[in-house]
PDB file of N, CA and C in Angstrom:
ATOM      1  N   MET A   1      79.941 104.618 123.913  1.00  0.00           N
ATOM      2  CA  MET A   1      81.162 103.837 123.704  1.00  0.00           C
ATOM      3  C   MET A   1      82.164 104.722 122.928  1.00  0.00           C
ATOM      4  N   SER A   2      83.359 104.737 123.389  1.00  0.00           N
ATOM      5  CA  SER A   2      84.386 105.568 122.717  1.00  0.00           C
ATOM      6  C   SER A   2      84.812 104.889 121.399  1.00  0.00           C
ATOM      7  N   HIS A   3      85.385 105.709 120.513  1.00  0.00           N
ATOM      8  CA  HIS A   3      85.809 105.195 119.192  1.00  0.00           C
ATOM      9  C   HIS A   3      86.870 104.084 119.379  1.00  0.00           C
ATOM     10  N   ALA A   4      87.783 104.274 120.313  1.00  0.00           N
ATOM     11  CA  ALA A   4      88.824 103.251 120.487  1.00  0.00           C
ATOM     12  C   ALA A   4      88.239 101.941 120.889  1.00  0.00           C
ATOM     13  N   LYS A   5      87.276 101.952 121.791  1.00  0.00           N
ATOM     14  CA  LYS A   5      86.646 100.683 122.240  1.00  0.00           C
ATOM     15  C   LYS A   5      85.832 100.065 121.119  1.00  0.00           C
ATOM     16  N   LEU A   6      85.101 100.910 120.408  1.00  0.00           N
ATOM     17  CA  LEU A   6      84.320 100.365 119.272  1.00  0.00           C
ATOM     18  C   LEU A   6      85.181  99.729 118.212  1.00  0.00           C
ATOM     19  N   TYR A   7      86.242 100.391 117.826  1.00  0.00           N
ATOM     20  CA  TYR A   7      87.161  99.829 116.789  1.00  0.00           C
ATOM     21  C   TYR A   7      87.912  98.631 117.304  1.00  0.00           C
ATOM     22  N   THR A   8      88.212  98.563 118.592  1.00  0.00           N
ATOM     23  CA  THR A   8      88.852  97.367 119.149  1.00  0.00           C
ATOM     24  C   THR A   8      87.889  96.196 119.111  1.00  0.00           C
ATOM     25  N   TYR A   9      86.653  96.481 119.488  1.00  0.00           N
ATOM     26  CA  TYR A   9      85.620  95.396 119.445  1.00  0.00           C
ATOM     27  C   TYR A   9      85.428  94.917 118.009  1.00  0.00           C
ATOM     28  N   ILE A  10      85.376  95.812 117.058  1.00  0.00           N
ATOM     29  CA  ILE A  10      85.197  95.388 115.661  1.00  0.00           C
ATOM     30  C   ILE A  10      86.425  94.582 115.174  1.00  0.00           C
ATOM     31  N   TYR A  11      87.612  95.016 115.562  1.00  0.00           N
ATOM     32  CA  TYR A  11      88.826  94.263 115.221  1.00  0.00           C
ATOM     33  C   TYR A  11      88.757  92.864 115.735  1.00  0.00           C
ATOM     34  N   VAL A  12      88.319  92.701 117.018  1.00  0.00           N
ATOM     35  CA  VAL A  12      88.274  91.377 117.608  1.00  0.00           C
ATOM     36  C   VAL A  12      87.249  90.515 116.859  1.00  0.00           C
ATOM     37  N   VAL A  13      86.105  91.064 116.482  1.00  0.00           N
ATOM     38  CA  VAL A  13      85.084  90.314 115.723  1.00  0.00           C
ATOM     39  C   VAL A  13      85.664  89.860 114.368  1.00  0.00           C
ATOM     40  N   LEU A  14      86.340  90.787 113.658  1.00  0.00           N
ATOM     41  CA  LEU A  14      86.934  90.446 112.388  1.00  0.00           C
ATOM     42  C   LEU A  14      88.039  89.368 112.536  1.00  0.00           C
ATOM     43  N   PHE A  15      88.818  89.485 113.605  1.00  0.00           N
ATOM     44  CA  PHE A  15      89.878  88.524 113.857  1.00  0.00           C
ATOM     45  C   PHE A  15      89.332  87.128 114.121  1.00  0.00           C
ATOM     46  N   VAL A  16      88.257  87.072 114.903  1.00  0.00           N
ATOM     47  CA  VAL A  16      87.624  85.797 115.193  1.00  0.00           C
ATOM     48  C   VAL A  16      87.011  85.190 113.920  1.00  0.00           C
ATOM     49  N   GLY A  17      86.391  86.058 113.085  1.00  0.00           N
ATOM     50  CA  GLY A  17      85.818  85.602 111.827  1.00  0.00           C
ATOM     51  C   GLY A  17      86.924  84.988 110.890  1.00  0.00           C
ATOM     52  N   ALA A  18      88.065  85.667 110.837  1.00  0.00           N
ATOM     53  CA  ALA A  18      89.132  85.129 109.989  1.00  0.00           C
ATOM     54  C   ALA A  18      89.689  83.839 110.555  1.00  0.00           C
ATOM     55  N   THR A  19      89.765  83.766 111.881  1.00  0.00           N
ATOM     56  CA  THR A  19      90.236  82.516 112.500  1.00  0.00           C
ATOM     57  C   THR A  19      89.309  81.377 112.234  1.00  0.00           C
ATOM     58  N   VAL A  20      87.992  81.604 112.280  1.00  0.00           N
ATOM     59  CA  VAL A  20      87.017  80.588 111.967  1.00  0.00           C
ATOM     60  C   VAL A  20      87.169  80.130 110.525  1.00  0.00           C
ATOM     61  N   GLN A  21      87.405  81.086 109.602  1.00  0.00           N
ATOM     62  CA  GLN A  21      87.561  80.692 108.218  1.00  0.00           C
ATOM     63  C   GLN A  21      88.799  79.806 108.037  1.00  0.00           C
ATOM     64  N   VAL A  22      89.869  80.107 108.667  1.00  0.00           N
ATOM     65  CA  VAL A  22      91.087  79.269 108.605  1.00  0.00           C
ATOM     66  C   VAL A  22      90.805  77.903 109.222  1.00  0.00           C
ATOM     67  N   ALA A  23      90.072  77.870 110.348  1.00  0.00           N
ATOM     68  CA  ALA A  23      89.740  76.620 110.982  1.00  0.00           C
ATOM     69  C   ALA A  23      88.872  75.702 110.069  1.00  0.00           C
ATOM     70  N   VAL A  24      87.980  76.334 109.262  1.00  0.00           N
ATOM     71  CA  VAL A  24      87.189  75.596 108.297  1.00  0.00           C
ATOM     72  C   VAL A  24      88.099  74.883 107.302  1.00  0.00           C
ATOM     73  N   GLU A  25      89.146  75.630 106.867  1.00  0.00           N
ATOM     74  CA  GLU A  25      90.047  74.999 105.884  1.00  0.00           C
ATOM     75  C   GLU A  25      90.855  73.897 106.538  1.00  0.00           C
ATOM     76  N   TYR A  26      91.302  74.054 107.715  1.00  0.00           N
ATOM     77  CA  TYR A  26      92.150  73.032 108.356  1.00  0.00           C
ATOM     78  C   TYR A  26      91.314  71.910 108.962  1.00  0.00           C
ATOM     79  N   ALA A  27      90.019  72.031 109.079  1.00  0.00           N
ATOM     80  CA  ALA A  27      89.203  70.987 109.647  1.00  0.00           C
ATOM     81  C   ALA A  27      88.931  69.870 108.639  1.00  0.00           C
ATOM     82  N   GLY A  28      89.402  70.023 107.448  1.00  0.00           N
ATOM     83  CA  GLY A  28      89.194  68.976 106.455  1.00  0.00           C
ATOM     84  C   GLY A  28      87.842  69.065 105.729  1.00  0.00           C
ATOM     85  N   LEU A  29      87.205  70.258 105.814  1.00  0.00           N
ATOM     86  CA  LEU A  29      85.920  70.400 105.182  1.00  0.00           C
ATOM     87  C   LEU A  29      86.065  70.687 103.689  1.00  0.00           C
ATOM     88  N   LEU A  30      87.275  70.810 103.207  1.00  0.00           N
ATOM     89  CA  LEU A  30      87.426  71.053 101.773  1.00  0.00           C
ATOM     90  C   LEU A  30      87.623  69.727 101.002  1.00  0.00           C
ATOM     91  N   GLU A  31      87.298  68.654 101.620  1.00  0.00           N
ATOM     92  CA  GLU A  31      87.337  67.329 100.944  1.00  0.00           C
ATOM     93  C   GLU A  31      86.179  67.257  99.964  1.00  0.00           C
ATOM     94  N   PRO A  32      86.227  66.379  99.005  1.00  0.00           N
ATOM     95  CA  PRO A  32      85.180  66.355  97.974  1.00  0.00           C
ATOM     96  C   PRO A  32      83.757  66.162  98.491  1.00  0.00           C
ATOM     97  N   GLY A  33      83.525  65.494  99.545  1.00  0.00           N
ATOM     98  CA  GLY A  33      82.135  65.249 100.093  1.00  0.00           C
ATOM     99  C   GLY A  33      81.578  66.469 100.785  1.00  0.00           C
ATOM    100  N   THR A  34      82.427  67.278 101.382  1.00  0.00           N
ATOM    101  CA  THR A  34      81.982  68.428 102.182  1.00  0.00           C
ATOM    102  C   THR A  34      82.413  69.773 101.572  1.00  0.00           C
ATOM    103  N   TYR A  35      82.847  69.761 100.369  1.00  0.00           N
ATOM    104  CA  TYR A  35      83.372  70.945  99.759  1.00  0.00           C
ATOM    105  C   TYR A  35      82.371  72.110  99.800  1.00  0.00           C
ATOM    106  N   TRP A  36      81.159  71.870  99.439  1.00  0.00           N
ATOM    107  CA  TRP A  36      80.159  72.935  99.347  1.00  0.00           C
ATOM    108  C   TRP A  36      79.764  73.494 100.694  1.00  0.00           C
ATOM    109  N   VAL A  37      79.803  72.691 101.706  1.00  0.00           N
ATOM    110  CA  VAL A  37      79.562  73.144 103.065  1.00  0.00           C
ATOM    111  C   VAL A  37      80.640  74.152 103.439  1.00  0.00           C
ATOM    112  N   ALA A  38      81.927  73.804 103.136  1.00  0.00           N
ATOM    113  CA  ALA A  38      83.026  74.718 103.450  1.00  0.00           C
ATOM    114  C   ALA A  38      82.914  75.979 102.706  1.00  0.00           C
ATOM    115  N   VAL A  39      82.587  75.892 101.388  1.00  0.00           N
ATOM    116  CA  VAL A  39      82.458  77.106 100.574  1.00  0.00           C
ATOM    117  C   VAL A  39      81.325  78.005 101.100  1.00  0.00           C
ATOM    118  N   ALA A  40      80.202  77.410 101.472  1.00  0.00           N
ATOM    119  CA  ALA A  40      79.084  78.180 102.002  1.00  0.00           C
ATOM    120  C   ALA A  40      79.501  78.884 103.297  1.00  0.00           C
ATOM    121  N   ALA A  41      80.200  78.154 104.173  1.00  0.00           N
ATOM    122  CA  ALA A  41      80.569  78.756 105.460  1.00  0.00           C
ATOM    123  C   ALA A  41      81.564  79.902 105.249  1.00  0.00           C
ATOM    124  N   ILE A  42      82.522  79.678 104.367  1.00  0.00           N
ATOM    125  CA  ILE A  42      83.493  80.751 104.050  1.00  0.00           C
ATOM    126  C   ILE A  42      82.852  81.937 103.405  1.00  0.00           C
ATOM    127  N   LEU A  43      81.891  81.719 102.535  1.00  0.00           N
ATOM    128  CA  LEU A  43      81.184  82.843 101.872  1.00  0.00           C
ATOM    129  C   LEU A  43      80.352  83.616 102.878  1.00  0.00           C
ATOM    130  N   VAL A  44      79.708  82.938 103.775  1.00  0.00           N
ATOM    131  CA  VAL A  44      78.867  83.627 104.751  1.00  0.00           C
ATOM    132  C   VAL A  44      79.760  84.464 105.706  1.00  0.00           C
ATOM    133  N   LEU A  45      80.809  83.882 106.153  1.00  0.00           N
ATOM    134  CA  LEU A  45      81.770  84.610 106.990  1.00  0.00           C
ATOM    135  C   LEU A  45      82.362  85.796 106.269  1.00  0.00           C
ATOM    136  N   SER A  46      82.716  85.606 105.027  1.00  0.00           N
ATOM    137  CA  SER A  46      83.299  86.713 104.222  1.00  0.00           C
ATOM    138  C   SER A  46      82.299  87.831 104.035  1.00  0.00           C
ATOM    139  N   LEU A  47      81.066  87.462 103.797  1.00  0.00           N
ATOM    140  CA  LEU A  47      80.010  88.493 103.642  1.00  0.00           C
ATOM    141  C   LEU A  47      79.740  89.271 104.922  1.00  0.00           C
ATOM    142  N   LEU A  48      79.737  88.576 106.030  1.00  0.00           N
ATOM    143  CA  LEU A  48      79.578  89.270 107.335  1.00  0.00           C
ATOM    144  C   LEU A  48      80.739  90.199 107.602  1.00  0.00           C
ATOM    145  N   LYS A  49      81.951  89.751 107.349  1.00  0.00           N
ATOM    146  CA  LYS A  49      83.102  90.590 107.591  1.00  0.00           C
ATOM    147  C   LYS A  49      83.104  91.801 106.683  1.00  0.00           C
ATOM    148  N   ALA A  50      82.731  91.635 105.387  1.00  0.00           N
ATOM    149  CA  ALA A  50      82.678  92.743 104.456  1.00  0.00           C
ATOM    150  C   ALA A  50      81.627  93.769 104.898  1.00  0.00           C
ATOM    151  N   VAL A  51      80.477  93.309 105.364  1.00  0.00           N
ATOM    152  CA  VAL A  51      79.455  94.250 105.834  1.00  0.00           C
ATOM    153  C   VAL A  51      79.961  95.006 107.089  1.00  0.00           C
ATOM    154  N   ILE A  52      80.632  94.368 107.981  1.00  0.00           N
ATOM    155  CA  ILE A  52      81.184  95.055 109.156  1.00  0.00           C
ATOM    156  C   ILE A  52      82.217  96.091 108.769  1.00  0.00           C
ATOM    157  N   VAL A  53      83.145  95.752 107.846  1.00  0.00           N
ATOM    158  CA  VAL A  53      84.108  96.692 107.385  1.00  0.00           C
ATOM    159  C   VAL A  53      83.494  97.877 106.698  1.00  0.00           C
ATOM    160  N   ALA A  54      82.569  97.607 105.826  1.00  0.00           N
ATOM    161  CA  ALA A  54      81.859  98.698 105.119  1.00  0.00           C
ATOM    162  C   ALA A  54      81.080  99.614 106.072  1.00  0.00           C
ATOM    163  N   ALA A  55      80.425  99.001 107.003  1.00  0.00           N
ATOM    164  CA  ALA A  55      79.611  99.800 107.927  1.00  0.00           C
ATOM    165  C   ALA A  55      80.419 100.688 108.853  1.00  0.00           C
ATOM    166  N   TYR A  56      81.488 100.152 109.392  1.00  0.00           N
ATOM    167  CA  TYR A  56      82.257 100.939 110.385  1.00  0.00           C
ATOM    168  C   TYR A  56      83.488 101.630 109.842  1.00  0.00           C
ATOM    169  N   TYR A  57      84.352 100.916 109.101  1.00  0.00           N
ATOM    170  CA  TYR A  57      85.576 101.476 108.661  1.00  0.00           C
ATOM    171  C   TYR A  57      85.384 102.418 107.443  1.00  0.00           C
ATOM    172  N   GLN A  58      84.347 102.136 106.619  1.00  0.00           N
ATOM    173  CA  GLN A  58      84.047 103.051 105.524  1.00  0.00           C
ATOM    174  C   GLN A  58      82.908 103.982 105.914  1.00  0.00           C
ATOM    175  N   HIS A  59      82.465 103.956 107.121  1.00  0.00           N
ATOM    176  CA  HIS A  59      81.468 104.889 107.724  1.00  0.00           C
ATOM    177  C   HIS A  59      80.150 104.858 107.078  1.00  0.00           C
ATOM    178  N   LEU A  60      79.768 103.724 106.437  1.00  0.00           N
ATOM    179  CA  LEU A  60      78.440 103.692 105.771  1.00  0.00           C
ATOM    180  C   LEU A  60      77.304 103.662 106.777  1.00  0.00           C
ATOM    181  N   ARG A  61      77.591 103.313 107.993  1.00  0.00           N
ATOM    182  CA  ARG A  61      76.563 103.285 109.008  1.00  0.00           C
ATOM    183  C   ARG A  61      75.985 104.673 109.234  1.00  0.00           C
ATOM    184  N   TRP A  62      76.775 105.701 109.052  1.00  0.00           N
ATOM    185  CA  TRP A  62      76.352 107.052 109.253  1.00  0.00           C
ATOM    186  C   TRP A  62      76.052 107.855 107.973  1.00  0.00           C
ATOM    187  N   GLU A  63      76.037 107.166 106.841  1.00  0.00           N
ATOM    188  CA  GLU A  63      75.747 107.808 105.556  1.00  0.00           C
ATOM    189  C   GLU A  63      74.291 107.664 105.200  1.00  0.00           C
ATOM    190  N   GLN A  64      73.884 108.283 104.093  1.00  0.00           N
ATOM    191  CA  GLN A  64      72.530 108.136 103.613  1.00  0.00           C
ATOM    192  C   GLN A  64      72.273 106.702 103.168  1.00  0.00           C
ATOM    193  N   ARG A  65      71.071 106.272 103.257  1.00  0.00           N
ATOM    194  CA  ARG A  65      70.746 104.867 102.911  1.00  0.00           C
ATOM    195  C   ARG A  65      70.974 104.552 101.463  1.00  0.00           C
ATOM    196  N   SER A  66      70.788 105.542 100.586  1.00  0.00           N
ATOM    197  CA  SER A  66      70.982 105.327  99.127  1.00  0.00           C
ATOM    198  C   SER A  66      72.435 104.933  98.818  1.00  0.00           C
ATOM    199  N   LEU A  67      73.344 105.557  99.523  1.00  0.00           N
ATOM    200  CA  LEU A  67      74.775 105.228  99.363  1.00  0.00           C
ATOM    201  C   LEU A  67      75.058 103.816  99.873  1.00  0.00           C
ATOM    202  N   SER A  68      74.427 103.455 101.002  1.00  0.00           N
ATOM    203  CA  SER A  68      74.574 102.094 101.551  1.00  0.00           C
ATOM    204  C   SER A  68      74.026 101.057 100.602  1.00  0.00           C
ATOM    205  N   TYR A  69      72.847 101.347  99.987  1.00  0.00           N
ATOM    206  CA  TYR A  69      72.252 100.417  99.016  1.00  0.00           C
ATOM    207  C   TYR A  69      73.160 100.247  97.793  1.00  0.00           C
ATOM    208  N   LEU A  70      73.775 101.337  97.333  1.00  0.00           N
ATOM    209  CA  LEU A  70      74.682 101.277  96.189  1.00  0.00           C
ATOM    210  C   LEU A  70      75.898 100.385  96.580  1.00  0.00           C
ATOM    211  N   MET A  71      76.415 100.510  97.719  1.00  0.00           N
ATOM    212  CA  MET A  71      77.554  99.665  98.146  1.00  0.00           C
ATOM    213  C   MET A  71      77.053  98.210  98.284  1.00  0.00           C
ATOM    214  N   GLY A  72      75.853  97.994  98.741  1.00  0.00           N
ATOM    215  CA  GLY A  72      75.334  96.650  98.883  1.00  0.00           C
ATOM    216  C   GLY A  72      75.188  95.959  97.519  1.00  0.00           C
ATOM    217  N   MET A  73      74.802  96.705  96.498  1.00  0.00           N
ATOM    218  CA  MET A  73      74.692  96.101  95.154  1.00  0.00           C
ATOM    219  C   MET A  73      76.041  95.721  94.635  1.00  0.00           C
ATOM    220  N   GLY A  74      77.079  96.507  94.926  1.00  0.00           N
ATOM    221  CA  GLY A  74      78.416  96.141  94.564  1.00  0.00           C
ATOM    222  C   GLY A  74      78.902  94.898  95.272  1.00  0.00           C
ATOM    223  N   LEU A  75      78.514  94.769  96.521  1.00  0.00           N
ATOM    224  CA  LEU A  75      78.868  93.588  97.324  1.00  0.00           C
ATOM    225  C   LEU A  75      78.162  92.328  96.780  1.00  0.00           C
ATOM    226  N   LEU A  76      76.946  92.469  96.383  1.00  0.00           N
ATOM    227  CA  LEU A  76      76.215  91.369  95.832  1.00  0.00           C
ATOM    228  C   LEU A  76      76.806  90.951  94.479  1.00  0.00           C
ATOM    229  N   ALA A  77      77.226  91.908  93.712  1.00  0.00           N
ATOM    230  CA  ALA A  77      77.875  91.591  92.419  1.00  0.00           C
ATOM    231  C   ALA A  77      79.187  90.831  92.644  1.00  0.00           C
ATOM    232  N   ALA A  78      79.980  91.243  93.666  1.00  0.00           N
ATOM    233  CA  ALA A  78      81.186  90.563  93.972  1.00  0.00           C
ATOM    234  C   ALA A  78      80.958  89.147  94.480  1.00  0.00           C
ATOM    235  N   LEU A  79      79.891  88.999  95.287  1.00  0.00           N
ATOM    236  CA  LEU A  79      79.513  87.648  95.748  1.00  0.00           C
ATOM    237  C   LEU A  79      79.066  86.757  94.605  1.00  0.00           C
ATOM    238  N   ALA A  80      78.317  87.272  93.664  1.00  0.00           N
ATOM    239  CA  ALA A  80      77.881  86.492  92.480  1.00  0.00           C
ATOM    240  C   ALA A  80      79.102  86.066  91.693  1.00  0.00           C
ATOM    241  N   LEU A  81      80.087  86.957  91.502  1.00  0.00           N
ATOM    242  CA  LEU A  81      81.254  86.527  90.751  1.00  0.00           C
ATOM    243  C   LEU A  81      82.117  85.522  91.524  1.00  0.00           C
ATOM    244  N   THR A  82      82.149  85.612  92.833  1.00  0.00           N
ATOM    245  CA  THR A  82      82.854  84.611  93.629  1.00  0.00           C
ATOM    246  C   THR A  82      82.190  83.277  93.525  1.00  0.00           C
ATOM    247  N   ILE A  83      80.880  83.238  93.611  1.00  0.00           N
ATOM    248  CA  ILE A  83      80.159  81.946  93.438  1.00  0.00           C
ATOM    249  C   ILE A  83      80.379  81.379  92.027  1.00  0.00           C
ATOM    250  N   ALA A  84      80.312  82.216  91.029  1.00  0.00           N
ATOM    251  CA  ALA A  84      80.536  81.732  89.652  1.00  0.00           C
ATOM    252  C   ALA A  84      81.945  81.211  89.505  1.00  0.00           C
ATOM    253  N   ALA A  85      82.943  81.835  90.099  1.00  0.00           N
ATOM    254  CA  ALA A  85      84.293  81.394  90.029  1.00  0.00           C
ATOM    255  C   ALA A  85      84.539  80.075  90.775  1.00  0.00           C
ATOM    256  N   SER A  86      83.727  79.814  91.805  1.00  0.00           N
ATOM    257  CA  SER A  86      83.919  78.614  92.591  1.00  0.00           C
ATOM    258  C   SER A  86      83.501  77.394  91.818  1.00  0.00           C
ATOM    259  N   TYR A  87      82.682  77.517  90.811  1.00  0.00           N
ATOM    260  CA  TYR A  87      82.308  76.336  89.945  1.00  0.00           C
ATOM    261  C   TYR A  87      83.490  75.874  89.146  1.00  0.00           C
ATOM    262  N   SER A  88      84.380  76.777  88.779  1.00  0.00           N
ATOM    263  CA  SER A  88      85.561  76.326  88.022  1.00  0.00           C
ATOM    264  C   SER A  88      86.649  75.700  88.843  1.00  0.00           C
ATOM    265  N   ILE A  89      86.532  75.776  90.194  1.00  0.00           N
ATOM    266  CA  ILE A  89      87.513  75.211  91.061  1.00  0.00           C
ATOM    267  C   ILE A  89      87.344  73.677  91.166  1.00  0.00           C
ATOM    268  N   THR A  90      86.067  73.260  91.204  1.00  0.00           N
ATOM    269  CA  THR A  90      85.811  71.805  91.403  1.00  0.00           C
ATOM    270  C   THR A  90      86.018  71.036  90.120  1.00  0.00           C
TER     271      THR A  90
END
């Protein structure tokens, strides 16, 4: 697969993920009864998109595994901070 096709495919996947995140917000899932379902869905989609961006646009897919693990730990730390911050929203 050529680089242009690969990056176009990745762009489409990221665009669809962002569209689904917006759809979750507009679907009324942020109401008090379903708030945590919406937060979980948005966090999972955000994590998947971050992994795709790191793997392909930051070229971690072709780097040593130790560097990928280091980036993964940073991603987990950011996710933990996001979850902790979401408690203050409700």
